[in-house]
Amino acid sequence: MQTQQTEIQKEQTTIKLVEGTYTPMEAADILFALIGDKIKFHNMQILSLQERFGIDSVHSEQRIKELKEAKMQVKDLILEARDAGMTLQIEGNIKINFLPKE
């Protein structure tokens, strides 16, 4: 019996995650929630790798650092928009590609 391997040929897919104009407080809620969820994800990755294999996740630790910096940058933008009496337009797309396993 011969096994036939099926290849998935799929082009890049883009999904609109966030699109619109928001008050500074609405923008803060949206952006901090997204960043917070990513930080939680990486924290769980770190805990999982430490508990299961006793190793550190350098990638997740670096991403948490980058995400915390992004959070501070967003905070500054939110405060600047609030103080200037402006709204914020946010466009956030997610690009998804199929890649072969390494």
C-alpha atoms as a PDB file:
ATOM      1  CA  MET A   1       0.000   0.000   0.000  1.00  0.00           C
ATOM      2  CA  GLN A   2       1.423   3.317  -1.053  1.00  0.00           C
ATOM      3  CA  THR A   3       0.710   6.522   0.855  1.00  0.00           C
ATOM      4  CA  GLN A   4       0.099   9.578  -1.254  1.00  0.00           C
ATOM      5  CA  GLN A   5       1.201  12.842   0.250  1.00  0.00           C
ATOM      6  CA  THR A   6      -1.089  15.761  -0.481  1.00  0.00           C
ATOM      7  CA  GLU A   7       0.498  19.170  -0.778  1.00  0.00           C
ATOM      8  CA  ILE A   8      -1.389  22.232   0.289  1.00  0.00           C
ATOM      9  CA  GLN A   9      -0.756  25.029  -2.138  1.00  0.00           C
ATOM     10  CA  LYS A  10      -2.265  28.118  -0.618  1.00  0.00           C
ATOM     11  CA  GLU A  11      -1.375  31.701  -1.189  1.00  0.00           C
ATOM     12  CA  GLN A  12      -1.114  34.229   1.556  1.00  0.00           C
ATOM     13  CA  THR A  13      -4.349  35.036   3.343  1.00  0.00           C
ATOM     14  CA  THR A  14      -4.972  38.392   4.987  1.00  0.00           C
ATOM     15  CA  ILE A  15      -7.599  38.876   7.682  1.00  0.00           C
ATOM     16  CA  LYS A  16      -8.684  42.284   8.955  1.00  0.00           C
ATOM     17  CA  LEU A  17      -8.410  42.048  12.715  1.00  0.00           C
ATOM     18  CA  VAL A  18      -8.972  45.694  13.599  1.00  0.00           C
ATOM     19  CA  GLU A  19     -10.277  48.475  11.397  1.00  0.00           C
ATOM     20  CA  GLY A  20     -11.839  51.727  12.416  1.00  0.00           C
ATOM     21  CA  THR A  21     -11.582  55.083  14.120  1.00  0.00           C
ATOM     22  CA  TYR A  22     -11.547  55.072  17.898  1.00  0.00           C
ATOM     23  CA  THR A  23     -11.356  57.418  20.841  1.00  0.00           C
ATOM     24  CA  PRO A  24      -8.070  57.201  22.726  1.00  0.00           C
ATOM     25  CA  MET A  25      -9.743  55.114  25.455  1.00  0.00           C
ATOM     26  CA  GLU A  26     -11.294  52.689  22.947  1.00  0.00           C
ATOM     27  CA  ALA A  27      -7.964  52.385  21.166  1.00  0.00           C
ATOM     28  CA  ALA A  28      -6.244  51.701  24.489  1.00  0.00           C
ATOM     29  CA  ASP A  29      -8.746  48.941  25.302  1.00  0.00           C
ATOM     30  CA  ILE A  30      -8.261  47.261  21.919  1.00  0.00           C
ATOM     31  CA  LEU A  31      -4.488  47.561  21.660  1.00  0.00           C
ATOM     32  CA  PHE A  32      -3.706  46.703  25.285  1.00  0.00           C
ATOM     33  CA  ALA A  33      -5.951  43.633  25.042  1.00  0.00           C
ATOM     34  CA  LEU A  34      -4.136  42.413  21.916  1.00  0.00           C
ATOM     35  CA  ILE A  35      -0.687  43.014  23.391  1.00  0.00           C
ATOM     36  CA  GLY A  36      -1.722  41.535  26.744  1.00  0.00           C
ATOM     37  CA  ASP A  37      -2.982  38.341  25.111  1.00  0.00           C
ATOM     38  CA  LYS A  38       0.293  37.913  23.219  1.00  0.00           C
ATOM     39  CA  ILE A  39       2.286  38.415  26.434  1.00  0.00           C
ATOM     40  CA  LYS A  40       0.116  35.791  28.182  1.00  0.00           C
ATOM     41  CA  PHE A  41       0.677  33.378  25.288  1.00  0.00           C
ATOM     42  CA  HIS A  42       4.454  33.727  25.516  1.00  0.00           C
ATOM     43  CA  ASN A  43       4.393  33.413  29.312  1.00  0.00           C
ATOM     44  CA  MET A  44       2.501  30.134  28.920  1.00  0.00           C
ATOM     45  CA  GLN A  45       5.079  28.957  26.352  1.00  0.00           C
ATOM     46  CA  ILE A  46       7.882  29.722  28.806  1.00  0.00           C
ATOM     47  CA  LEU A  47       6.141  27.863  31.653  1.00  0.00           C
ATOM     48  CA  SER A  48       5.353  24.896  29.445  1.00  0.00           C
ATOM     49  CA  LEU A  49       8.928  24.511  28.215  1.00  0.00           C
ATOM     50  CA  GLN A  50      10.340  24.905  31.726  1.00  0.00           C
ATOM     51  CA  GLU A  51       7.961  22.355  33.266  1.00  0.00           C
ATOM     52  CA  ARG A  52       8.165  19.766  30.481  1.00  0.00           C
ATOM     53  CA  PHE A  53      11.783  20.025  29.419  1.00  0.00           C
ATOM     54  CA  GLY A  54      13.540  22.221  31.973  1.00  0.00           C
ATOM     55  CA  ILE A  55      14.621  24.676  29.280  1.00  0.00           C
ATOM     56  CA  ASP A  56      14.131  28.368  28.723  1.00  0.00           C
ATOM     57  CA  SER A  57      12.440  29.863  25.689  1.00  0.00           C
ATOM     58  CA  VAL A  58      14.749  32.590  24.472  1.00  0.00           C
ATOM     59  CA  HIS A  59      12.340  33.450  21.652  1.00  0.00           C
ATOM     60  CA  SER A  60       9.356  33.927  23.982  1.00  0.00           C
ATOM     61  CA  GLU A  61      11.421  35.919  26.470  1.00  0.00           C
ATOM     62  CA  GLN A  62      12.595  38.227  23.679  1.00  0.00           C
ATOM     63  CA  ARG A  63       9.042  38.624  22.319  1.00  0.00           C
ATOM     64  CA  ILE A  64       7.753  39.560  25.780  1.00  0.00           C
ATOM     65  CA  LYS A  65      10.429  42.236  25.998  1.00  0.00           C
ATOM     66  CA  GLU A  66       9.459  43.567  22.550  1.00  0.00           C
ATOM     67  CA  LEU A  67       5.747  43.484  23.383  1.00  0.00           C
ATOM     68  CA  LYS A  68       6.285  45.395  26.639  1.00  0.00           C
ATOM     69  CA  GLU A  69       8.183  48.038  24.672  1.00  0.00           C
ATOM     70  CA  ALA A  70       5.324  48.185  22.158  1.00  0.00           C
ATOM     71  CA  LYS A  71       2.871  48.587  25.034  1.00  0.00           C
ATOM     72  CA  MET A  72       4.807  51.610  26.306  1.00  0.00           C
ATOM     73  CA  GLN A  73       4.859  53.087  22.799  1.00  0.00           C
ATOM     74  CA  VAL A  74       1.079  52.590  22.485  1.00  0.00           C
ATOM     75  CA  LYS A  75       0.573  54.210  25.895  1.00  0.00           C
ATOM     76  CA  ASP A  76       2.525  57.282  24.758  1.00  0.00           C
ATOM     77  CA  LEU A  77       0.487  57.517  21.533  1.00  0.00           C
ATOM     78  CA  ILE A  78      -2.799  57.172  23.421  1.00  0.00           C
ATOM     79  CA  LEU A  79      -1.852  59.929  25.860  1.00  0.00           C
ATOM     80  CA  GLU A  80      -0.688  62.178  23.028  1.00  0.00           C
ATOM     81  CA  ALA A  81      -3.965  61.680  21.137  1.00  0.00           C
ATOM     82  CA  ARG A  82      -6.029  62.240  24.284  1.00  0.00           C
ATOM     83  CA  ASP A  83      -4.175  65.432  25.182  1.00  0.00           C
ATOM     84  CA  ALA A  84      -4.555  66.739  21.605  1.00  0.00           C
ATOM     85  CA  GLY A  85      -8.281  65.878  21.537  1.00  0.00           C
ATOM     86  CA  MET A  86      -7.840  63.524  18.598  1.00  0.00           C
ATOM     87  CA  THR A  87      -9.209  60.153  17.602  1.00  0.00           C
ATOM     88  CA  LEU A  88      -7.083  57.281  16.324  1.00  0.00           C
ATOM     89  CA  GLN A  89      -7.546  55.268  13.149  1.00  0.00           C
ATOM     90  CA  ILE A  90      -6.313  51.703  13.557  1.00  0.00           C
ATOM     91  CA  GLU A  91      -5.832  49.200  10.767  1.00  0.00           C
ATOM     92  CA  GLY A  92      -4.534  45.810  11.818  1.00  0.00           C
ATOM     93  CA  ASN A  93      -4.188  42.977   9.335  1.00  0.00           C
ATOM     94  CA  ILE A  94      -3.016  39.443  10.041  1.00  0.00           C
ATOM     95  CA  LYS A  95      -1.133  37.735   7.200  1.00  0.00           C
ATOM     96  CA  ILE A  96      -1.176  33.935   7.166  1.00  0.00           C
ATOM     97  CA  ASN A  97       1.112  31.781   5.021  1.00  0.00           C
ATOM     98  CA  PHE A  98       1.387  27.999   4.714  1.00  0.00           C
ATOM     99  CA  LEU A  99       4.986  26.871   5.258  1.00  0.00           C
ATOM    100  CA  PRO A 100       6.468  23.385   5.117  1.00  0.00           C
ATOM    101  CA  LYS A 101       7.507  21.831   8.432  1.00  0.00           C
ATOM    102  CA  GLU A 102      11.153  22.212   9.280  1.00  0.00           C
END
